[in-house]
């Protein structure tokens, strides 16, 4: 693949932040974006991330912008789920 995206990268200095990173082999470019980490695990969050990322790319957003949109959306979804009392 010419593009690789890695999710759920831990921050060594701030446990409240997570990172998503990407690499583009064709342009030798590297990007990263942070998000507010929530200490819970929900099944399907990777599917949501991939769906939002793909939708953003198909709508003309760049890889870094798409990663940022997807990471922040998943983080928001988890916070809303927790606020409604779901485990």
PDB file of N, CA and C in Angstrom:
ATOM      1  N   UNK A   1       0.832  -1.204   0.000  1.00  0.00           N
ATOM      2  CA  UNK A   1       0.000   0.000   0.000  1.00  0.00           C
ATOM      3  C   UNK A   1       0.869   1.259   0.000  1.00  0.00           C
ATOM      4  N   UNK A   2       0.357   2.294  -0.595  1.00  0.00           N
ATOM      5  CA  UNK A   2       1.129   3.540  -0.619  1.00  0.00           C
ATOM      6  C   UNK A   2       0.815   4.421   0.585  1.00  0.00           C
ATOM      7  N   UNK A   3      -0.304   4.186   1.258  1.00  0.00           N
ATOM      8  CA  UNK A   3      -0.661   4.944   2.459  1.00  0.00           C
ATOM      9  C   UNK A   3      -0.904   3.988   3.616  1.00  0.00           C
ATOM     10  N   UNK A   4      -0.384   4.358   4.774  1.00  0.00           N
ATOM     11  CA  UNK A   4      -0.584   3.564   5.984  1.00  0.00           C
ATOM     12  C   UNK A   4      -1.056   4.497   7.089  1.00  0.00           C
ATOM     13  N   UNK A   5      -2.088   4.082   7.814  1.00  0.00           N
ATOM     14  CA  UNK A   5      -2.597   4.866   8.937  1.00  0.00           C
ATOM     15  C   UNK A   5      -2.603   3.974  10.171  1.00  0.00           C
ATOM     16  N   UNK A   6      -2.042   4.487  11.262  1.00  0.00           N
ATOM     17  CA  UNK A   6      -1.979   3.755  12.524  1.00  0.00           C
ATOM     18  C   UNK A   6      -2.779   4.534  13.561  1.00  0.00           C
ATOM     19  N   UNK A   7      -3.668   3.841  14.253  1.00  0.00           N
ATOM     20  CA  UNK A   7      -4.515   4.488  15.260  1.00  0.00           C
ATOM     21  C   UNK A   7      -4.105   4.054  16.665  1.00  0.00           C
ATOM     22  N   UNK A   8      -4.659   4.725  17.640  1.00  0.00           N
ATOM     23  CA  UNK A   8      -4.491   4.375  19.063  1.00  0.00           C
ATOM     24  C   UNK A   8      -3.042   4.391  19.523  1.00  0.00           C
ATOM     25  N   UNK A   9      -2.295   5.384  19.095  1.00  0.00           N
ATOM     26  CA  UNK A   9      -0.905   5.521  19.522  1.00  0.00           C
ATOM     27  C   UNK A   9      -0.894   6.269  20.856  1.00  0.00           C
ATOM     28  N   UNK A  10      -0.266   5.670  21.854  1.00  0.00           N
ATOM     29  CA  UNK A  10      -0.213   6.284  23.185  1.00  0.00           C
ATOM     30  C   UNK A  10       0.786   7.438  23.211  1.00  0.00           C
ATOM     31  N   UNK A  11       0.467   8.445  24.000  1.00  0.00           N
ATOM     32  CA  UNK A  11       1.381   9.558  24.242  1.00  0.00           C
ATOM     33  C   UNK A  11       2.146   9.245  25.525  1.00  0.00           C
ATOM     34  N   UNK A  12       3.456   9.266  25.466  1.00  0.00           N
ATOM     35  CA  UNK A  12       4.263   8.891  26.631  1.00  0.00           C
ATOM     36  C   UNK A  12       4.230   9.929  27.751  1.00  0.00           C
ATOM     37  N   UNK A  13       3.929  11.162  27.423  1.00  0.00           N
ATOM     38  CA  UNK A  13       3.969  12.220  28.431  1.00  0.00           C
ATOM     39  C   UNK A  13       2.593  12.672  28.906  1.00  0.00           C
ATOM     40  N   UNK A  14       1.559  12.402  28.127  1.00  0.00           N
ATOM     41  CA  UNK A  14       0.213  12.844  28.484  1.00  0.00           C
ATOM     42  C   UNK A  14      -0.772  11.709  28.223  1.00  0.00           C
ATOM     43  N   UNK A  15      -1.207  11.060  29.277  1.00  0.00           N
ATOM     44  CA  UNK A  15      -2.094   9.899  29.141  1.00  0.00           C
ATOM     45  C   UNK A  15      -3.504  10.267  28.696  1.00  0.00           C
ATOM     46  N   UNK A  16      -3.816  11.564  28.643  1.00  0.00           N
ATOM     47  CA  UNK A  16      -5.139  12.007  28.233  1.00  0.00           C
ATOM     48  C   UNK A  16      -5.228  12.253  26.732  1.00  0.00           C
ATOM     49  N   UNK A  17      -4.122  12.029  26.032  1.00  0.00           N
ATOM     50  CA  UNK A  17      -4.078  12.272  24.586  1.00  0.00           C
ATOM     51  C   UNK A  17      -3.679  10.994  23.862  1.00  0.00           C
ATOM     52  N   UNK A  18      -4.329  10.738  22.736  1.00  0.00           N
ATOM     53  CA  UNK A  18      -3.953   9.653  21.845  1.00  0.00           C
ATOM     54  C   UNK A  18      -3.579  10.247  20.496  1.00  0.00           C
ATOM     55  N   UNK A  19      -2.944   9.447  19.673  1.00  0.00           N
ATOM     56  CA  UNK A  19      -2.480   9.930  18.367  1.00  0.00           C
ATOM     57  C   UNK A  19      -2.891   8.984  17.252  1.00  0.00           C
ATOM     58  N   UNK A  20      -3.072   9.554  16.084  1.00  0.00           N
ATOM     59  CA  UNK A  20      -3.245   8.815  14.839  1.00  0.00           C
ATOM     60  C   UNK A  20      -2.143   9.319  13.919  1.00  0.00           C
ATOM     61  N   UNK A  21      -1.448   8.404  13.274  1.00  0.00           N
ATOM     62  CA  UNK A  21      -0.358   8.793  12.380  1.00  0.00           C
ATOM     63  C   UNK A  21      -0.555   8.153  11.013  1.00  0.00           C
ATOM     64  N   UNK A  22      -0.031   8.818   9.989  1.00  0.00           N
ATOM     65  CA  UNK A  22      -0.136   8.294   8.621  1.00  0.00           C
ATOM     66  C   UNK A  22       1.161   8.540   7.875  1.00  0.00           C
ATOM     67  N   UNK A  23       1.395   7.683   6.900  1.00  0.00           N
ATOM     68  CA  UNK A  23       2.571   7.809   6.046  1.00  0.00           C
ATOM     69  C   UNK A  23       2.143   7.597   4.602  1.00  0.00           C
ATOM     70  N   UNK A  24       2.626   8.452   3.717  1.00  0.00           N
ATOM     71  CA  UNK A  24       2.375   8.344   2.276  1.00  0.00           C
ATOM     72  C   UNK A  24       3.694   7.996   1.599  1.00  0.00           C
ATOM     73  N   UNK A  25       3.785   6.785   1.085  1.00  0.00           N
ATOM     74  CA  UNK A  25       5.015   6.294   0.472  1.00  0.00           C
ATOM     75  C   UNK A  25       5.376   7.078  -0.787  1.00  0.00           C
ATOM     76  N   UNK A  26       4.371   7.465  -1.575  1.00  0.00           N
ATOM     77  CA  UNK A  26       4.633   8.164  -2.838  1.00  0.00           C
ATOM     78  C   UNK A  26       5.309   9.510  -2.630  1.00  0.00           C
ATOM     79  N   UNK A  27       4.881  10.236  -1.601  1.00  0.00           N
ATOM     80  CA  UNK A  27       5.437  11.572  -1.359  1.00  0.00           C
ATOM     81  C   UNK A  27       6.399  11.601  -0.173  1.00  0.00           C
ATOM     82  N   UNK A  28       6.584  10.450   0.465  1.00  0.00           N
ATOM     83  CA  UNK A  28       7.429  10.340   1.653  1.00  0.00           C
ATOM     84  C   UNK A  28       6.991  11.345   2.725  1.00  0.00           C
ATOM     85  N   UNK A  29       5.664  11.463   2.889  1.00  0.00           N
ATOM     86  CA  UNK A  29       5.095  12.406   3.850  1.00  0.00           C
ATOM     87  C   UNK A  29       4.583  11.667   5.077  1.00  0.00           C
ATOM     88  N   UNK A  30       4.683  12.333   6.220  1.00  0.00           N
ATOM     89  CA  UNK A  30       4.225  11.784   7.488  1.00  0.00           C
ATOM     90  C   UNK A  30       3.327  12.817   8.164  1.00  0.00           C
ATOM     91  N   UNK A  31       2.198  12.363   8.718  1.00  0.00           N
ATOM     92  CA  UNK A  31       1.291  13.253   9.437  1.00  0.00           C
ATOM     93  C   UNK A  31       0.881  12.597  10.737  1.00  0.00           C
ATOM     94  N   UNK A  32       0.492  13.427  11.687  1.00  0.00           N
ATOM     95  CA  UNK A  32      -0.099  12.902  12.914  1.00  0.00           C
ATOM     96  C   UNK A  32      -1.134  13.896  13.415  1.00  0.00           C
ATOM     97  N   UNK A  33      -2.106  13.387  14.133  1.00  0.00           N
ATOM     98  CA  UNK A  33      -3.136  14.220  14.746  1.00  0.00           C
ATOM     99  C   UNK A  33      -3.458  13.643  16.115  1.00  0.00           C
ATOM    100  N   UNK A  34      -3.788  14.505  17.042  1.00  0.00           N
ATOM    101  CA  UNK A  34      -4.104  14.056  18.394  1.00  0.00           C
ATOM    102  C   UNK A  34      -5.611  14.100  18.634  1.00  0.00           C
ATOM    103  N   UNK A  35      -6.016  13.399  19.660  1.00  0.00           N
ATOM    104  CA  UNK A  35      -7.413  13.413  20.086  1.00  0.00           C
ATOM    105  C   UNK A  35      -7.445  13.197  21.591  1.00  0.00           C
ATOM    106  N   UNK A  36      -8.533  13.605  22.227  1.00  0.00           N
ATOM    107  CA  UNK A  36      -8.688  13.397  23.662  1.00  0.00           C
ATOM    108  C   UNK A  36      -9.007  11.930  23.909  1.00  0.00           C
ATOM    109  N   UNK A  37      -8.143  11.280  24.646  1.00  0.00           N
ATOM    110  CA  UNK A  37      -8.285   9.854  24.905  1.00  0.00           C
ATOM    111  C   UNK A  37      -9.310   9.612  26.007  1.00  0.00           C
ATOM    112  N   UNK A  38     -10.112   8.588  25.823  1.00  0.00           N
ATOM    113  CA  UNK A  38     -11.100   8.174  26.807  1.00  0.00           C
ATOM    114  C   UNK A  38     -10.747   6.745  27.199  1.00  0.00           C
ATOM    115  N   UNK A  39     -10.648   6.481  28.492  1.00  0.00           N
ATOM    116  CA  UNK A  39     -10.171   5.182  28.970  1.00  0.00           C
ATOM    117  C   UNK A  39     -11.255   4.109  29.005  1.00  0.00           C
ATOM    118  N   UNK A  40     -11.900   3.893  27.879  1.00  0.00           N
ATOM    119  CA  UNK A  40     -12.865   2.803  27.729  1.00  0.00           C
ATOM    120  C   UNK A  40     -12.657   2.189  26.349  1.00  0.00           C
ATOM    121  N   UNK A  41     -13.163   0.990  26.185  1.00  0.00           N
ATOM    122  CA  UNK A  41     -13.087   0.327  24.885  1.00  0.00           C
ATOM    123  C   UNK A  41     -14.490  -0.063  24.443  1.00  0.00           C
ATOM    124  N   UNK A  42     -14.830   0.316  23.239  1.00  0.00           N
ATOM    125  CA  UNK A  42     -16.112  -0.055  22.659  1.00  0.00           C
ATOM    126  C   UNK A  42     -15.858  -0.788  21.346  1.00  0.00           C
ATOM    127  N   UNK A  43     -16.560  -1.896  21.114  1.00  0.00           N
ATOM    128  CA  UNK A  43     -16.409  -2.572  19.830  1.00  0.00           C
ATOM    129  C   UNK A  43     -16.960  -1.700  18.707  1.00  0.00           C
ATOM    130  N   UNK A  44     -16.305  -1.743  17.565  1.00  0.00           N
ATOM    131  CA  UNK A  44     -16.792  -1.024  16.394  1.00  0.00           C
ATOM    132  C   UNK A  44     -16.200   0.352  16.189  1.00  0.00           C
ATOM    133  N   UNK A  45     -15.390   0.827  17.134  1.00  0.00           N
ATOM    134  CA  UNK A  45     -14.839   2.174  16.967  1.00  0.00           C
ATOM    135  C   UNK A  45     -13.872   2.245  15.783  1.00  0.00           C
ATOM    136  N   UNK A  46     -13.174   1.159  15.522  1.00  0.00           N
ATOM    137  CA  UNK A  46     -12.293   1.130  14.350  1.00  0.00           C
ATOM    138  C   UNK A  46     -13.086   1.191  13.053  1.00  0.00           C
ATOM    139  N   UNK A  47     -14.248   0.545  13.050  1.00  0.00           N
ATOM    140  CA  UNK A  47     -15.126   0.602  11.877  1.00  0.00           C
ATOM    141  C   UNK A  47     -15.650   2.017  11.658  1.00  0.00           C
ATOM    142  N   UNK A  48     -16.020   2.686  12.760  1.00  0.00           N
ATOM    143  CA  UNK A  48     -16.488   4.073  12.645  1.00  0.00           C
ATOM    144  C   UNK A  48     -15.367   4.957  12.119  1.00  0.00           C
ATOM    145  N   UNK A  49     -14.167   4.794  12.675  1.00  0.00           N
ATOM    146  CA  UNK A  49     -13.022   5.586  12.229  1.00  0.00           C
ATOM    147  C   UNK A  49     -12.802   5.401  10.729  1.00  0.00           C
ATOM    148  N   UNK A  50     -12.780   4.148  10.290  1.00  0.00           N
ATOM    149  CA  UNK A  50     -12.534   3.855   8.878  1.00  0.00           C
ATOM    150  C   UNK A  50     -13.628   4.426   7.986  1.00  0.00           C
ATOM    151  N   UNK A  51     -14.866   4.339   8.421  1.00  0.00           N
ATOM    152  CA  UNK A  51     -15.980   4.879   7.631  1.00  0.00           C
ATOM    153  C   UNK A  51     -15.892   6.392   7.484  1.00  0.00           C
ATOM    154  N   UNK A  52     -15.625   7.080   8.589  1.00  0.00           N
ATOM    155  CA  UNK A  52     -15.522   8.545   8.539  1.00  0.00           C
ATOM    156  C   UNK A  52     -14.293   8.964   7.737  1.00  0.00           C
ATOM    157  N   UNK A  53     -13.185   8.258   7.917  1.00  0.00           N
ATOM    158  CA  UNK A  53     -11.967   8.547   7.151  1.00  0.00           C
ATOM    159  C   UNK A  53     -12.228   8.390   5.653  1.00  0.00           C
ATOM    160  N   UNK A  54     -12.828   7.270   5.270  1.00  0.00           N
ATOM    161  CA  UNK A  54     -13.110   7.004   3.858  1.00  0.00           C
ATOM    162  C   UNK A  54     -14.081   8.029   3.288  1.00  0.00           C
ATOM    163  N   UNK A  55     -15.134   8.330   4.031  1.00  0.00           N
ATOM    164  CA  UNK A  55     -16.096   9.338   3.581  1.00  0.00           C
ATOM    165  C   UNK A  55     -15.447  10.696   3.384  1.00  0.00           C
ATOM    166  N   UNK A  56     -14.574  11.067   4.294  1.00  0.00           N
ATOM    167  CA  UNK A  56     -13.874  12.352   4.177  1.00  0.00           C
ATOM    168  C   UNK A  56     -12.969  12.375   2.951  1.00  0.00           C
ATOM    169  N   UNK A  57     -12.238  11.282   2.730  1.00  0.00           N
ATOM    170  CA  UNK A  57     -11.362  11.203   1.550  1.00  0.00           C
ATOM    171  C   UNK A  57     -12.178  11.283   0.262  1.00  0.00           C
ATOM    172  N   UNK A  58     -13.309  10.575   0.224  1.00  0.00           N
ATOM    173  CA  UNK A  58     -14.159  10.596  -0.972  1.00  0.00           C
ATOM    174  C   UNK A  58     -14.789  11.964  -1.213  1.00  0.00           C
ATOM    175  N   UNK A  59     -14.893  12.768  -0.166  1.00  0.00           N
ATOM    176  CA  UNK A  59     -15.430  14.120  -0.297  1.00  0.00           C
ATOM    177  C   UNK A  59     -14.341  15.159  -0.535  1.00  0.00           C
ATOM    178  N   UNK A  60     -13.136  14.695  -0.849  1.00  0.00           N
ATOM    179  CA  UNK A  60     -12.076  15.605  -1.261  1.00  0.00           C
ATOM    180  C   UNK A  60     -11.158  16.123  -0.171  1.00  0.00           C
ATOM    181  N   UNK A  61     -11.340  15.665   1.056  1.00  0.00           N
ATOM    182  CA  UNK A  61     -10.441  16.095   2.124  1.00  0.00           C
ATOM    183  C   UNK A  61      -9.093  15.387   1.987  1.00  0.00           C
ATOM    184  N   UNK A  62      -8.051  16.018   2.448  1.00  0.00           N
ATOM    185  CA  UNK A  62      -6.711  15.432   2.423  1.00  0.00           C
ATOM    186  C   UNK A  62      -6.616  14.321   3.471  1.00  0.00           C
ATOM    187  N   UNK A  63      -5.548  13.541   3.405  1.00  0.00           N
ATOM    188  CA  UNK A  63      -5.344  12.486   4.403  1.00  0.00           C
ATOM    189  C   UNK A  63      -5.242  13.084   5.810  1.00  0.00           C
ATOM    190  N   UNK A  64      -4.418  14.122   6.031  1.00  0.00           N
ATOM    191  CA  UNK A  64      -4.347  14.663   7.393  1.00  0.00           C
ATOM    192  C   UNK A  64      -5.686  15.214   7.898  1.00  0.00           C
ATOM    193  N   UNK A  65      -6.415  15.899   7.047  1.00  0.00           N
ATOM    194  CA  UNK A  65      -7.721  16.441   7.457  1.00  0.00           C
ATOM    195  C   UNK A  65      -8.699  15.305   7.739  1.00  0.00           C
ATOM    196  N   UNK A  66      -8.694  14.273   6.917  1.00  0.00           N
ATOM    197  CA  UNK A  66      -9.587  13.126   7.104  1.00  0.00           C
ATOM    198  C   UNK A  66      -9.278  12.386   8.399  1.00  0.00           C
ATOM    199  N   UNK A  67      -7.994  12.222   8.708  1.00  0.00           N
ATOM    200  CA  UNK A  67      -7.598  11.584   9.969  1.00  0.00           C
ATOM    201  C   UNK A  67      -8.104  12.390  11.154  1.00  0.00           C
ATOM    202  N   UNK A  68      -7.947  13.693  11.080  1.00  0.00           N
ATOM    203  CA  UNK A  68      -8.368  14.574  12.166  1.00  0.00           C
ATOM    204  C   UNK A  68      -9.882  14.499  12.369  1.00  0.00           C
ATOM    205  N   UNK A  69     -10.622  14.564  11.284  1.00  0.00           N
ATOM    206  CA  UNK A  69     -12.087  14.476  11.353  1.00  0.00           C
ATOM    207  C   UNK A  69     -12.508  13.146  11.977  1.00  0.00           C
ATOM    208  N   UNK A  70     -11.931  12.049  11.500  1.00  0.00           N
ATOM    209  CA  UNK A  70     -12.306  10.718  11.981  1.00  0.00           C
ATOM    210  C   UNK A  70     -11.936  10.520  13.451  1.00  0.00           C
ATOM    211  N   UNK A  71     -10.735  10.912  13.834  1.00  0.00           N
ATOM    212  CA  UNK A  71     -10.287  10.725  15.219  1.00  0.00           C
ATOM    213  C   UNK A  71     -11.153  11.517  16.190  1.00  0.00           C
ATOM    214  N   UNK A  72     -11.427  12.746  15.851  1.00  0.00           N
ATOM    215  CA  UNK A  72     -12.230  13.586  16.744  1.00  0.00           C
ATOM    216  C   UNK A  72     -13.691  13.118  16.785  1.00  0.00           C
ATOM    217  N   UNK A  73     -14.200  12.613  15.667  1.00  0.00           N
ATOM    218  CA  UNK A  73     -15.572  12.106  15.638  1.00  0.00           C
ATOM    219  C   UNK A  73     -15.713  10.875  16.531  1.00  0.00           C
ATOM    220  N   UNK A  74     -14.774   9.944  16.442  1.00  0.00           N
ATOM    221  CA  UNK A  74     -14.840   8.737  17.272  1.00  0.00           C
ATOM    222  C   UNK A  74     -14.742   9.111  18.751  1.00  0.00           C
ATOM    223  N   UNK A  75     -13.835  10.002  19.083  1.00  0.00           N
ATOM    224  CA  UNK A  75     -13.696  10.456  20.466  1.00  0.00           C
ATOM    225  C   UNK A  75     -15.007  11.073  20.963  1.00  0.00           C
ATOM    226  N   UNK A  76     -15.627  11.887  20.136  1.00  0.00           N
ATOM    227  CA  UNK A  76     -16.913  12.511  20.475  1.00  0.00           C
ATOM    228  C   UNK A  76     -18.000  11.446  20.675  1.00  0.00           C
ATOM    229  N   UNK A  77     -18.058  10.462  19.786  1.00  0.00           N
ATOM    230  CA  UNK A  77     -19.059   9.392  19.899  1.00  0.00           C
ATOM    231  C   UNK A  77     -18.910   8.634  21.215  1.00  0.00           C
ATOM    232  N   UNK A  78     -17.678   8.365  21.608  1.00  0.00           N
ATOM    233  CA  UNK A  78     -17.438   7.648  22.863  1.00  0.00           C
ATOM    234  C   UNK A  78     -17.899   8.488  24.051  1.00  0.00           C
ATOM    235  N   UNK A  79     -17.590   9.771  24.033  1.00  0.00           N
ATOM    236  CA  UNK A  79     -18.009  10.650  25.132  1.00  0.00           C
ATOM    237  C   UNK A  79     -19.531  10.705  25.251  1.00  0.00           C
ATOM    238  N   UNK A  80     -20.214  10.806  24.122  1.00  0.00           N
ATOM    239  CA  UNK A  80     -21.675  10.846  24.128  1.00  0.00           C
ATOM    240  C   UNK A  80     -22.245   9.523  24.636  1.00  0.00           C
ATOM    241  N   UNK A  81     -21.662   8.417  24.213  1.00  0.00           N
ATOM    242  CA  UNK A  81     -22.103   7.097  24.667  1.00  0.00           C
ATOM    243  C   UNK A  81     -21.959   6.983  26.179  1.00  0.00           C
ATOM    244  N   UNK A  82     -20.822   7.427  26.708  1.00  0.00           N
ATOM    245  CA  UNK A  82     -20.591   7.382  28.152  1.00  0.00           C
ATOM    246  C   UNK A  82     -21.572   8.294  28.897  1.00  0.00           C
ATOM    247  N   UNK A  83     -21.871   9.452  28.328  1.00  0.00           N
ATOM    248  CA  UNK A  83     -22.784  10.405  28.970  1.00  0.00           C
ATOM    249  C   UNK A  83     -24.201   9.847  29.102  1.00  0.00           C
ATOM    250  N   UNK A  84     -24.544   8.911  28.221  1.00  0.00           N
ATOM    251  CA  UNK A  84     -25.870   8.293  28.280  1.00  0.00           C
ATOM    252  C   UNK A  84     -25.880   7.034  29.147  1.00  0.00           C
ATOM    253  N   UNK A  85     -24.774   6.775  29.818  1.00  0.00           N
ATOM    254  CA  UNK A  85     -24.723   5.677  30.770  1.00  0.00           C
ATOM    255  C   UNK A  85     -24.462   4.307  30.198  1.00  0.00           C
ATOM    256  N   UNK A  86     -24.052   4.239  28.951  1.00  0.00           N
ATOM    257  CA  UNK A  86     -23.725   2.937  28.383  1.00  0.00           C
ATOM    258  C   UNK A  86     -22.335   2.533  28.849  1.00  0.00           C
ATOM    259  N   UNK A  87     -22.163   1.251  29.167  1.00  0.00           N
ATOM    260  CA  UNK A  87     -20.855   0.810  29.704  1.00  0.00           C
ATOM    261  C   UNK A  87     -19.731   0.928  28.703  1.00  0.00           C
TER     262      UNK A  87
END
